[in-house]
Amino acid sequence: MEFNFKQIATASMVLFAVIDIIGNIPIVISLRERAGHIHSEKASIIAAVLMIVFLFIGESILKLIGINVNEFAVAGAFILFFIALEMILGITLFKDDGSSPDMASVFPLAFPMLAGPGTLTTLLSLRAEYAVENVIVAVVVNVIIIYIVLKTSKKLQRVLGKNGISIIQKIFGVILLAIAVKLFTSNIQELFN
């Protein structure tokens, strides 16, 4: 076990940027309105477990089912693309199956928003570059931040108001759309090379 502060800090910042929990606040608020309540602890723990499990066996699972990391990332890009369209256009593309707080905490919150294809493919890249224990610490740091943001999202909603949330939702919808396009284009090129 060799903990390296620089590796932990870098991996934490990379994961924070990819997870983009601050940018997901409008989605969290919208989910909270639809489901009535979100289990912050459950969503955080499920996201953490998914990330750590994928860190160790992700590439093996993908190889086992005949999918490479690039194909997985392209599929994730489509999900992010449609979530972004919902945010920008104010429409509902995903069937609202009367989401219960339990279901909303798992899908789409824990997966694909927090521990989505972008995050999971980033974890595989970080594992290739850094010591596993440092990446795990980075995951834990991000899960703590996720939990704090999820817990305080109601207060943020009161502070921002309906118009503030709507503006942030549109702005971050465009950013999410750009991330989806980047994830798609960089990985689709790899598939054709």
N, C-alpha and C. Protein backbone atom coordinates (compact mmCIF):
# COMPACT_ATOMS: atom_id res chain seq x y z
N MET A 1 0.85 -1.20 0.00
CA MET A 1 0.00 0.00 0.00
C MET A 1 0.88 1.24 0.00
N GLU A 2 0.74 1.99 -1.07
CA GLU A 2 1.54 3.22 -1.16
C GLU A 2 0.63 4.39 -1.49
N PHE A 3 0.21 5.13 -0.44
CA PHE A 3 -0.66 6.28 -0.65
C PHE A 3 0.16 7.47 -1.11
N ASN A 4 -0.30 8.09 -2.17
CA ASN A 4 0.40 9.22 -2.75
C ASN A 4 -0.60 10.37 -2.85
N PHE A 5 -0.34 11.45 -2.10
CA PHE A 5 -1.29 12.57 -2.04
C PHE A 5 -1.54 13.18 -3.41
N LYS A 6 -0.48 13.31 -4.21
CA LYS A 6 -0.63 13.92 -5.54
C LYS A 6 -1.56 13.07 -6.42
N GLN A 7 -1.38 11.75 -6.39
CA GLN A 7 -2.24 10.85 -7.17
C GLN A 7 -3.68 10.93 -6.69
N ILE A 8 -3.86 10.94 -5.36
CA ILE A 8 -5.21 11.01 -4.78
C ILE A 8 -5.88 12.31 -5.21
N ALA A 9 -5.15 13.44 -5.11
CA ALA A 9 -5.71 14.75 -5.46
C ALA A 9 -6.08 14.80 -6.94
N THR A 10 -5.18 14.33 -7.79
CA THR A 10 -5.45 14.36 -9.24
C THR A 10 -6.63 13.47 -9.59
N ALA A 11 -6.63 12.24 -9.09
CA ALA A 11 -7.73 11.30 -9.38
C ALA A 11 -9.05 11.84 -8.85
N SER A 12 -9.02 12.48 -7.67
CA SER A 12 -10.24 13.07 -7.09
C SER A 12 -10.79 14.17 -7.98
N MET A 13 -9.90 15.04 -8.46
CA MET A 13 -10.34 16.14 -9.32
C MET A 13 -10.90 15.65 -10.65
N VAL A 14 -10.24 14.64 -11.23
CA VAL A 14 -10.72 14.07 -12.50
C VAL A 14 -12.11 13.47 -12.31
N LEU A 15 -12.27 12.67 -11.26
CA LEU A 15 -13.58 12.05 -10.98
C LEU A 15 -14.64 13.10 -10.69
N PHE A 16 -14.27 14.15 -9.94
CA PHE A 16 -15.22 15.21 -9.60
C PHE A 16 -15.74 15.89 -10.87
N ALA A 17 -14.83 16.12 -11.81
CA ALA A 17 -15.21 16.76 -13.08
C ALA A 17 -16.12 15.86 -13.90
N VAL A 18 -15.82 14.56 -13.93
CA VAL A 18 -16.61 13.62 -14.73
C VAL A 18 -17.98 13.37 -14.10
N ILE A 19 -18.01 13.16 -12.78
CA ILE A 19 -19.29 12.92 -12.08
C ILE A 19 -20.16 14.17 -12.15
N ASP A 20 -19.54 15.34 -12.00
CA ASP A 20 -20.21 16.64 -12.12
C ASP A 20 -21.47 16.72 -11.25
N ILE A 21 -21.31 16.44 -9.96
CA ILE A 21 -22.46 16.46 -9.04
C ILE A 21 -23.06 17.85 -8.93
N ILE A 22 -22.24 18.89 -9.03
CA ILE A 22 -22.76 20.25 -8.97
C ILE A 22 -23.65 20.52 -10.19
N GLY A 23 -23.20 20.07 -11.35
CA GLY A 23 -23.99 20.22 -12.57
C GLY A 23 -25.25 19.39 -12.56
N ASN A 24 -25.25 18.32 -11.75
CA ASN A 24 -26.41 17.44 -11.68
C ASN A 24 -27.46 17.90 -10.68
N ILE A 25 -27.20 19.00 -9.97
CA ILE A 25 -28.16 19.49 -8.97
C ILE A 25 -29.56 19.67 -9.57
N PRO A 26 -29.69 20.31 -10.76
CA PRO A 26 -31.04 20.44 -11.33
C PRO A 26 -31.74 19.09 -11.57
N ILE A 27 -30.97 18.09 -11.99
CA ILE A 27 -31.55 16.76 -12.22
C ILE A 27 -31.98 16.15 -10.90
N VAL A 28 -31.14 16.31 -9.86
CA VAL A 28 -31.46 15.78 -8.53
C VAL A 28 -32.75 16.42 -8.03
N ILE A 29 -32.88 17.74 -8.19
CA ILE A 29 -34.07 18.46 -7.74
C ILE A 29 -35.30 17.98 -8.52
N SER A 30 -35.14 17.81 -9.82
CA SER A 30 -36.24 17.32 -10.66
C SER A 30 -36.65 15.91 -10.25
N LEU A 31 -35.68 15.04 -9.97
CA LEU A 31 -35.98 13.68 -9.50
C LEU A 31 -36.69 13.71 -8.16
N ARG A 32 -36.23 14.60 -7.28
CA ARG A 32 -36.84 14.74 -5.95
C ARG A 32 -38.30 15.15 -6.09
N GLU A 33 -38.58 16.05 -7.03
CA GLU A 33 -39.97 16.49 -7.26
C GLU A 33 -40.83 15.36 -7.79
N ARG A 34 -40.25 14.57 -8.72
CA ARG A 34 -41.01 13.47 -9.33
C ARG A 34 -41.24 12.33 -8.35
N ALA A 35 -40.19 11.97 -7.61
CA ALA A 35 -40.28 10.80 -6.71
C ALA A 35 -40.77 11.18 -5.32
N GLY A 36 -40.71 12.46 -5.00
CA GLY A 36 -41.14 12.91 -3.67
C GLY A 36 -39.99 12.95 -2.67
N HIS A 37 -39.04 12.05 -2.81
CA HIS A 37 -37.91 11.97 -1.88
C HIS A 37 -36.83 11.12 -2.53
N ILE A 38 -35.59 11.42 -2.18
CA ILE A 38 -34.46 10.62 -2.67
C ILE A 38 -33.65 10.17 -1.48
N HIS A 39 -33.26 8.91 -1.47
CA HIS A 39 -32.43 8.38 -0.39
C HIS A 39 -30.97 8.69 -0.70
N SER A 40 -30.46 9.78 -0.12
CA SER A 40 -29.08 10.23 -0.38
C SER A 40 -28.06 9.17 -0.01
N GLU A 41 -28.27 8.53 1.16
CA GLU A 41 -27.32 7.51 1.63
C GLU A 41 -27.28 6.34 0.66
N LYS A 42 -28.47 5.88 0.26
CA LYS A 42 -28.57 4.72 -0.63
C LYS A 42 -27.91 5.02 -1.98
N ALA A 43 -28.23 6.19 -2.55
CA ALA A 43 -27.66 6.57 -3.85
C ALA A 43 -26.14 6.66 -3.77
N SER A 44 -25.63 7.26 -2.69
CA SER A 44 -24.17 7.42 -2.51
C SER A 44 -23.49 6.07 -2.36
N ILE A 45 -24.07 5.19 -1.53
CA ILE A 45 -23.46 3.88 -1.29
C ILE A 45 -23.49 3.03 -2.56
N ILE A 46 -24.61 3.03 -3.28
CA ILE A 46 -24.71 2.24 -4.52
C ILE A 46 -23.70 2.75 -5.54
N ALA A 47 -23.59 4.09 -5.67
CA ALA A 47 -22.62 4.67 -6.61
C ALA A 47 -21.20 4.26 -6.22
N ALA A 48 -20.88 4.30 -4.92
CA ALA A 48 -19.54 3.93 -4.44
C ALA A 48 -19.24 2.46 -4.74
N VAL A 49 -20.20 1.59 -4.44
CA VAL A 49 -20.02 0.15 -4.68
C VAL A 49 -19.82 -0.12 -6.17
N LEU A 50 -20.66 0.50 -7.01
CA LEU A 50 -20.52 0.32 -8.46
C LEU A 50 -19.14 0.74 -8.94
N MET A 51 -18.68 1.91 -8.45
CA MET A 51 -17.38 2.43 -8.90
C MET A 51 -16.23 1.52 -8.45
N ILE A 52 -16.26 1.09 -7.19
CA ILE A 52 -15.15 0.26 -6.68
C ILE A 52 -15.16 -1.12 -7.32
N VAL A 53 -16.34 -1.72 -7.47
CA VAL A 53 -16.43 -3.03 -8.13
C VAL A 53 -15.94 -2.92 -9.57
N PHE A 54 -16.39 -1.87 -10.27
CA PHE A 54 -15.99 -1.70 -11.67
C PHE A 54 -14.49 -1.45 -11.79
N LEU A 55 -13.92 -0.78 -10.80
CA LEU A 55 -12.47 -0.52 -10.79
C LEU A 55 -11.69 -1.83 -10.86
N PHE A 56 -12.19 -2.85 -10.13
CA PHE A 56 -11.48 -4.13 -10.07
C PHE A 56 -11.85 -5.10 -11.19
N ILE A 57 -13.15 -5.18 -11.51
CA ILE A 57 -13.55 -6.22 -12.46
C ILE A 57 -14.25 -5.69 -13.71
N GLY A 58 -14.28 -4.37 -13.88
CA GLY A 58 -14.99 -3.76 -15.00
C GLY A 58 -14.55 -4.24 -16.36
N GLU A 59 -13.25 -4.17 -16.59
CA GLU A 59 -12.75 -4.56 -17.91
C GLU A 59 -13.01 -6.04 -18.18
N SER A 60 -12.87 -6.88 -17.14
CA SER A 60 -13.12 -8.33 -17.28
C SER A 60 -14.59 -8.60 -17.62
N ILE A 61 -15.51 -7.87 -16.96
CA ILE A 61 -16.94 -8.05 -17.22
C ILE A 61 -17.25 -7.67 -18.66
N LEU A 62 -16.71 -6.54 -19.09
CA LEU A 62 -16.96 -6.09 -20.46
C LEU A 62 -16.41 -7.09 -21.48
N LYS A 63 -15.19 -7.61 -21.22
CA LYS A 63 -14.59 -8.60 -22.13
C LYS A 63 -15.42 -9.87 -22.16
N LEU A 64 -15.92 -10.28 -20.98
CA LEU A 64 -16.72 -11.50 -20.85
C LEU A 64 -17.97 -11.44 -21.73
N ILE A 65 -18.61 -10.26 -21.79
CA ILE A 65 -19.83 -10.14 -22.60
C ILE A 65 -19.53 -9.60 -24.01
N GLY A 66 -18.24 -9.51 -24.32
CA GLY A 66 -17.83 -9.15 -25.68
C GLY A 66 -17.97 -7.67 -26.01
N ILE A 67 -17.87 -6.82 -25.00
CA ILE A 67 -17.96 -5.37 -25.21
C ILE A 67 -16.64 -4.75 -24.79
N ASN A 68 -16.11 -3.83 -25.60
CA ASN A 68 -14.91 -3.15 -25.14
C ASN A 68 -15.29 -1.82 -24.48
N VAL A 69 -14.33 -1.18 -23.85
CA VAL A 69 -14.55 0.05 -23.10
C VAL A 69 -15.14 1.14 -23.99
N ASN A 70 -14.67 1.22 -25.25
CA ASN A 70 -15.16 2.24 -26.17
C ASN A 70 -16.64 2.06 -26.51
N GLU A 71 -17.05 0.82 -26.73
CA GLU A 71 -18.46 0.55 -27.02
C GLU A 71 -19.33 0.90 -25.82
N PHE A 72 -18.84 0.59 -24.62
CA PHE A 72 -19.54 0.91 -23.38
C PHE A 72 -19.70 2.42 -23.24
N ALA A 73 -18.64 3.15 -23.54
CA ALA A 73 -18.66 4.61 -23.44
C ALA A 73 -19.62 5.23 -24.46
N VAL A 74 -19.70 4.67 -25.67
CA VAL A 74 -20.62 5.17 -26.70
C VAL A 74 -22.07 4.97 -26.23
N ALA A 75 -22.37 3.81 -25.65
CA ALA A 75 -23.71 3.56 -25.12
C ALA A 75 -24.04 4.56 -24.02
N GLY A 76 -23.08 4.83 -23.15
CA GLY A 76 -23.26 5.81 -22.08
C GLY A 76 -23.48 7.21 -22.63
N ALA A 77 -22.81 7.52 -23.72
CA ALA A 77 -22.96 8.84 -24.35
C ALA A 77 -24.40 9.05 -24.81
N PHE A 78 -25.03 7.98 -25.32
CA PHE A 78 -26.43 8.11 -25.75
C PHE A 78 -27.35 8.43 -24.56
N ILE A 79 -27.13 7.74 -23.44
CA ILE A 79 -27.95 7.99 -22.24
C ILE A 79 -27.78 9.44 -21.78
N LEU A 80 -26.52 9.90 -21.70
CA LEU A 80 -26.25 11.27 -21.29
C LEU A 80 -26.88 12.27 -22.27
N PHE A 81 -26.83 11.94 -23.56
CA PHE A 81 -27.40 12.79 -24.61
C PHE A 81 -28.90 13.01 -24.37
N PHE A 82 -29.62 11.92 -24.08
CA PHE A 82 -31.07 12.04 -23.89
C PHE A 82 -31.41 12.75 -22.58
N ILE A 83 -30.62 12.52 -21.53
CA ILE A 83 -30.83 13.24 -20.27
C ILE A 83 -30.62 14.74 -20.50
N ALA A 84 -29.59 15.08 -21.27
CA ALA A 84 -29.30 16.48 -21.59
C ALA A 84 -30.46 17.10 -22.38
N LEU A 85 -31.01 16.37 -23.34
CA LEU A 85 -32.15 16.88 -24.11
C LEU A 85 -33.34 17.16 -23.21
N GLU A 86 -33.58 16.27 -22.25
CA GLU A 86 -34.66 16.49 -21.29
C GLU A 86 -34.45 17.80 -20.53
N MET A 87 -33.20 18.03 -20.10
CA MET A 87 -32.88 19.22 -19.32
C MET A 87 -33.04 20.49 -20.15
N ILE A 88 -32.57 20.47 -21.39
CA ILE A 88 -32.59 21.67 -22.24
C ILE A 88 -34.00 21.99 -22.73
N LEU A 89 -34.70 20.97 -23.20
CA LEU A 89 -36.01 21.18 -23.83
C LEU A 89 -37.18 21.12 -22.86
N GLY A 90 -36.92 20.65 -21.63
CA GLY A 90 -37.99 20.55 -20.64
C GLY A 90 -39.02 19.49 -21.01
N ILE A 91 -38.55 18.42 -21.66
CA ILE A 91 -39.45 17.32 -22.06
C ILE A 91 -39.07 16.06 -21.30
N THR A 92 -39.96 15.08 -21.33
CA THR A 92 -39.66 13.81 -20.67
C THR A 92 -39.55 12.73 -21.74
N LEU A 93 -38.33 12.20 -21.88
CA LEU A 93 -38.10 11.12 -22.85
C LEU A 93 -38.15 9.76 -22.17
N PHE A 94 -37.61 9.71 -20.92
CA PHE A 94 -37.62 8.46 -20.19
C PHE A 94 -39.00 8.26 -19.57
N LYS A 95 -39.53 7.06 -19.73
CA LYS A 95 -40.85 6.74 -19.22
C LYS A 95 -40.86 6.91 -17.71
N ASP A 96 -41.77 7.74 -17.23
CA ASP A 96 -41.90 7.95 -15.78
C ASP A 96 -42.80 6.85 -15.24
N ASP A 97 -42.19 5.83 -14.67
CA ASP A 97 -42.96 4.68 -14.19
C ASP A 97 -43.40 4.89 -12.75
N GLY A 98 -43.82 6.14 -12.45
CA GLY A 98 -44.25 6.44 -11.08
C GLY A 98 -43.11 6.20 -10.12
N SER A 99 -41.94 6.70 -10.50
CA SER A 99 -40.71 6.47 -9.74
C SER A 99 -40.91 6.60 -8.23
N SER A 100 -40.55 5.54 -7.55
CA SER A 100 -40.56 5.57 -6.10
C SER A 100 -39.22 6.14 -5.65
N PRO A 101 -39.13 6.65 -4.41
CA PRO A 101 -37.84 7.15 -3.92
C PRO A 101 -36.74 6.10 -4.01
N ASP A 102 -37.09 4.82 -3.77
CA ASP A 102 -36.09 3.75 -3.84
C ASP A 102 -35.57 3.59 -5.26
N MET A 103 -36.49 3.57 -6.23
CA MET A 103 -36.08 3.39 -7.62
C MET A 103 -35.30 4.59 -8.13
N ALA A 104 -35.77 5.80 -7.81
CA ALA A 104 -35.09 7.03 -8.27
C ALA A 104 -33.68 7.12 -7.69
N SER A 105 -33.48 6.57 -6.49
CA SER A 105 -32.15 6.61 -5.87
C SER A 105 -31.17 5.70 -6.60
N VAL A 106 -31.70 4.65 -7.23
CA VAL A 106 -30.84 3.71 -7.97
C VAL A 106 -30.73 4.14 -9.43
N PHE A 107 -31.87 4.27 -10.11
CA PHE A 107 -31.87 4.67 -11.51
C PHE A 107 -32.81 5.85 -11.68
N PRO A 108 -32.40 6.96 -12.20
CA PRO A 108 -31.14 7.22 -12.87
C PRO A 108 -30.06 7.87 -12.00
N LEU A 109 -30.28 7.99 -10.67
CA LEU A 109 -29.33 8.74 -9.86
C LEU A 109 -27.99 8.03 -9.67
N ALA A 110 -27.99 6.87 -8.99
CA ALA A 110 -26.72 6.15 -8.76
C ALA A 110 -26.11 5.72 -10.09
N PHE A 111 -26.96 5.17 -10.96
CA PHE A 111 -26.53 4.79 -12.31
C PHE A 111 -27.62 5.23 -13.28
N PRO A 112 -27.35 5.97 -14.32
CA PRO A 112 -26.05 6.30 -14.91
C PRO A 112 -25.49 7.67 -14.54
N MET A 113 -26.19 8.47 -13.68
CA MET A 113 -25.69 9.82 -13.43
C MET A 113 -24.40 9.88 -12.63
N LEU A 114 -24.35 9.20 -11.49
CA LEU A 114 -23.16 9.28 -10.64
C LEU A 114 -22.10 8.27 -11.05
N ALA A 115 -22.48 7.02 -11.14
CA ALA A 115 -21.54 5.97 -11.56
C ALA A 115 -21.91 5.54 -12.97
N GLY A 116 -21.88 6.47 -13.88
CA GLY A 116 -22.25 6.19 -15.26
C GLY A 116 -21.07 5.75 -16.11
N PRO A 117 -21.32 5.52 -17.38
CA PRO A 117 -20.26 5.07 -18.28
C PRO A 117 -19.05 6.00 -18.31
N GLY A 118 -19.29 7.31 -18.25
CA GLY A 118 -18.17 8.26 -18.24
C GLY A 118 -17.29 8.05 -17.02
N THR A 119 -17.94 7.91 -15.86
CA THR A 119 -17.22 7.69 -14.60
C THR A 119 -16.50 6.35 -14.63
N LEU A 120 -17.19 5.32 -15.08
CA LEU A 120 -16.62 3.97 -15.07
C LEU A 120 -15.44 3.84 -16.03
N THR A 121 -15.56 4.45 -17.22
CA THR A 121 -14.43 4.39 -18.14
C THR A 121 -13.26 5.23 -17.62
N THR A 122 -13.58 6.34 -16.94
CA THR A 122 -12.53 7.16 -16.31
C THR A 122 -11.79 6.35 -15.25
N LEU A 123 -12.53 5.57 -14.47
CA LEU A 123 -11.91 4.73 -13.44
C LEU A 123 -10.92 3.74 -14.05
N LEU A 124 -11.28 3.16 -15.19
CA LEU A 124 -10.37 2.22 -15.86
C LEU A 124 -9.11 2.94 -16.32
N SER A 125 -9.28 4.18 -16.80
CA SER A 125 -8.11 4.97 -17.23
C SER A 125 -7.23 5.32 -16.03
N LEU A 126 -7.86 5.72 -14.92
CA LEU A 126 -7.11 6.08 -13.71
C LEU A 126 -6.35 4.88 -13.16
N ARG A 127 -6.99 3.71 -13.23
CA ARG A 127 -6.34 2.49 -12.72
C ARG A 127 -5.07 2.17 -13.51
N ALA A 128 -5.10 2.47 -14.80
CA ALA A 128 -3.92 2.22 -15.64
C ALA A 128 -2.79 3.19 -15.29
N GLU A 129 -3.14 4.36 -14.76
CA GLU A 129 -2.14 5.40 -14.47
C GLU A 129 -1.67 5.44 -13.02
N TYR A 130 -2.59 5.18 -12.08
CA TYR A 130 -2.30 5.36 -10.66
C TYR A 130 -2.46 4.06 -9.87
N ALA A 131 -1.90 4.08 -8.64
CA ALA A 131 -2.04 2.93 -7.74
C ALA A 131 -3.52 2.79 -7.34
N VAL A 132 -4.00 1.55 -7.27
CA VAL A 132 -5.41 1.26 -7.00
C VAL A 132 -5.87 1.90 -5.69
N GLU A 133 -5.04 1.83 -4.64
CA GLU A 133 -5.46 2.39 -3.34
C GLU A 133 -5.70 3.90 -3.41
N ASN A 134 -4.93 4.59 -4.25
CA ASN A 134 -5.11 6.03 -4.41
C ASN A 134 -6.41 6.34 -5.15
N VAL A 135 -6.76 5.52 -6.13
CA VAL A 135 -8.02 5.69 -6.87
C VAL A 135 -9.20 5.42 -5.94
N ILE A 136 -9.08 4.41 -5.07
CA ILE A 136 -10.15 4.09 -4.12
C ILE A 136 -10.39 5.28 -3.17
N VAL A 137 -9.30 5.89 -2.67
CA VAL A 137 -9.44 7.06 -1.80
C VAL A 137 -10.14 8.19 -2.57
N ALA A 138 -9.78 8.36 -3.83
CA ALA A 138 -10.42 9.39 -4.67
C ALA A 138 -11.91 9.13 -4.83
N VAL A 139 -12.29 7.86 -4.98
CA VAL A 139 -13.71 7.48 -5.08
C VAL A 139 -14.41 7.85 -3.77
N VAL A 140 -13.81 7.50 -2.63
CA VAL A 140 -14.41 7.78 -1.32
C VAL A 140 -14.60 9.29 -1.13
N VAL A 141 -13.59 10.08 -1.49
CA VAL A 141 -13.68 11.55 -1.38
C VAL A 141 -14.86 12.06 -2.19
N ASN A 142 -15.01 11.56 -3.42
CA ASN A 142 -16.11 12.00 -4.28
C ASN A 142 -17.47 11.55 -3.77
N VAL A 143 -17.54 10.36 -3.18
CA VAL A 143 -18.81 9.87 -2.64
C VAL A 143 -19.24 10.73 -1.46
N ILE A 144 -18.30 11.18 -0.64
CA ILE A 144 -18.62 12.08 0.48
C ILE A 144 -19.18 13.40 -0.06
N ILE A 145 -18.56 13.93 -1.10
CA ILE A 145 -19.05 15.17 -1.72
C ILE A 145 -20.45 14.96 -2.30
N ILE A 146 -20.64 13.83 -2.99
CA ILE A 146 -21.94 13.49 -3.57
C ILE A 146 -23.01 13.48 -2.47
N TYR A 147 -22.70 12.81 -1.37
CA TYR A 147 -23.66 12.68 -0.25
C TYR A 147 -24.04 14.06 0.28
N ILE A 148 -23.04 14.93 0.48
CA ILE A 148 -23.30 16.28 1.01
C ILE A 148 -24.20 17.07 0.06
N VAL A 149 -23.89 17.00 -1.25
CA VAL A 149 -24.70 17.73 -2.24
C VAL A 149 -26.12 17.18 -2.29
N LEU A 150 -26.27 15.85 -2.26
CA LEU A 150 -27.61 15.25 -2.30
C LEU A 150 -28.42 15.66 -1.06
N LYS A 151 -27.77 15.67 0.09
CA LYS A 151 -28.44 16.03 1.35
C LYS A 151 -28.88 17.49 1.37
N THR A 152 -28.09 18.36 0.75
CA THR A 152 -28.39 19.80 0.80
C THR A 152 -29.14 20.31 -0.43
N SER A 153 -29.52 19.42 -1.34
CA SER A 153 -30.17 19.86 -2.59
C SER A 153 -31.49 20.59 -2.34
N LYS A 154 -32.21 20.21 -1.27
CA LYS A 154 -33.47 20.89 -0.96
C LYS A 154 -33.23 22.34 -0.55
N LYS A 155 -32.17 22.55 0.24
CA LYS A 155 -31.81 23.92 0.66
C LYS A 155 -31.37 24.74 -0.56
N LEU A 156 -30.59 24.10 -1.43
CA LEU A 156 -30.15 24.78 -2.65
C LEU A 156 -31.35 25.17 -3.51
N GLN A 157 -32.37 24.31 -3.53
CA GLN A 157 -33.57 24.57 -4.30
C GLN A 157 -34.27 25.83 -3.77
N ARG A 158 -34.34 25.95 -2.43
CA ARG A 158 -34.97 27.13 -1.82
C ARG A 158 -34.18 28.40 -2.14
N VAL A 159 -32.85 28.29 -2.07
CA VAL A 159 -31.99 29.46 -2.32
C VAL A 159 -32.09 29.91 -3.77
N LEU A 160 -32.03 28.95 -4.70
CA LEU A 160 -32.02 29.28 -6.13
C LEU A 160 -33.39 29.68 -6.67
N GLY A 161 -34.44 29.11 -6.12
CA GLY A 161 -35.79 29.38 -6.64
C GLY A 161 -36.03 28.65 -7.95
N LYS A 162 -37.29 28.70 -8.40
CA LYS A 162 -37.69 27.96 -9.60
C LYS A 162 -36.97 28.48 -10.86
N ASN A 163 -36.89 29.80 -11.01
CA ASN A 163 -36.22 30.38 -12.18
C ASN A 163 -34.73 30.09 -12.18
N GLY A 164 -34.10 30.20 -11.02
CA GLY A 164 -32.67 29.92 -10.89
C GLY A 164 -32.35 28.49 -11.28
N ILE A 165 -33.18 27.57 -10.80
CA ILE A 165 -32.99 26.15 -11.12
C ILE A 165 -33.19 25.92 -12.61
N SER A 166 -34.20 26.56 -13.19
CA SER A 166 -34.47 26.40 -14.62
C SER A 166 -33.29 26.88 -15.46
N ILE A 167 -32.72 28.02 -15.08
CA ILE A 167 -31.56 28.56 -15.81
C ILE A 167 -30.36 27.62 -15.68
N ILE A 168 -30.08 27.19 -14.44
CA ILE A 168 -28.95 26.26 -14.20
C ILE A 168 -29.17 24.96 -14.97
N GLN A 169 -30.42 24.48 -14.97
CA GLN A 169 -30.74 23.23 -15.66
C GLN A 169 -30.43 23.34 -17.16
N LYS A 170 -30.81 24.45 -17.76
CA LYS A 170 -30.55 24.64 -19.20
C LYS A 170 -29.04 24.74 -19.47
N ILE A 171 -28.33 25.51 -18.64
CA ILE A 171 -26.88 25.68 -18.82
C ILE A 171 -26.17 24.34 -18.69
N PHE A 172 -26.48 23.61 -17.61
CA PHE A 172 -25.81 22.33 -17.40
C PHE A 172 -26.30 21.26 -18.37
N GLY A 173 -27.51 21.44 -18.90
CA GLY A 173 -27.99 20.54 -19.96
C GLY A 173 -27.11 20.65 -21.19
N VAL A 174 -26.75 21.89 -21.55
CA VAL A 174 -25.86 22.11 -22.70
C VAL A 174 -24.48 21.52 -22.41
N ILE A 175 -23.97 21.72 -21.17
CA ILE A 175 -22.66 21.17 -20.79
C ILE A 175 -22.71 19.64 -20.85
N LEU A 176 -23.78 19.05 -20.33
CA LEU A 176 -23.93 17.59 -20.36
C LEU A 176 -24.01 17.09 -21.80
N LEU A 177 -24.69 17.84 -22.66
CA LEU A 177 -24.78 17.50 -24.07
C LEU A 177 -23.39 17.50 -24.71
N ALA A 178 -22.60 18.52 -24.36
CA ALA A 178 -21.22 18.61 -24.88
C ALA A 178 -20.38 17.43 -24.39
N ILE A 179 -20.54 17.04 -23.11
CA ILE A 179 -19.81 15.89 -22.57
C ILE A 179 -20.22 14.62 -23.31
N ALA A 180 -21.54 14.48 -23.57
CA ALA A 180 -22.04 13.31 -24.30
C ALA A 180 -21.44 13.25 -25.71
N VAL A 181 -21.40 14.39 -26.39
CA VAL A 181 -20.83 14.44 -27.75
C VAL A 181 -19.35 14.10 -27.72
N LYS A 182 -18.62 14.66 -26.72
CA LYS A 182 -17.18 14.39 -26.60
C LYS A 182 -16.94 12.90 -26.32
N LEU A 183 -17.73 12.34 -25.40
CA LEU A 183 -17.61 10.92 -25.06
C LEU A 183 -17.89 10.07 -26.29
N PHE A 184 -18.91 10.47 -27.07
CA PHE A 184 -19.28 9.73 -28.27
C PHE A 184 -18.18 9.82 -29.33
N THR A 185 -17.75 11.05 -29.66
CA THR A 185 -16.79 11.22 -30.75
C THR A 185 -15.44 10.59 -30.45
N SER A 186 -14.94 10.78 -29.23
CA SER A 186 -13.62 10.21 -28.90
C SER A 186 -13.64 8.69 -28.92
N ASN A 187 -14.75 8.10 -28.51
CA ASN A 187 -14.83 6.64 -28.46
C ASN A 187 -15.23 6.03 -29.79
N ILE A 188 -16.02 6.73 -30.57
CA ILE A 188 -16.42 6.19 -31.88
C ILE A 188 -15.20 6.15 -32.80
N GLN A 189 -14.30 7.14 -32.66
CA GLN A 189 -13.05 7.14 -33.44
C GLN A 189 -12.21 5.93 -33.09
N GLU A 190 -12.12 5.62 -31.79
CA GLU A 190 -11.36 4.44 -31.36
C GLU A 190 -11.95 3.16 -31.94
N LEU A 191 -13.28 3.10 -32.05
CA LEU A 191 -13.92 1.88 -32.58
C LEU A 191 -13.58 1.67 -34.06
N PHE A 192 -13.44 2.77 -34.78
CA PHE A 192 -13.15 2.65 -36.22
C PHE A 192 -11.66 2.55 -36.54
N ASN A 193 -10.82 2.81 -35.53
CA ASN A 193 -9.36 2.70 -35.76
C ASN A 193 -8.90 1.26 -35.64
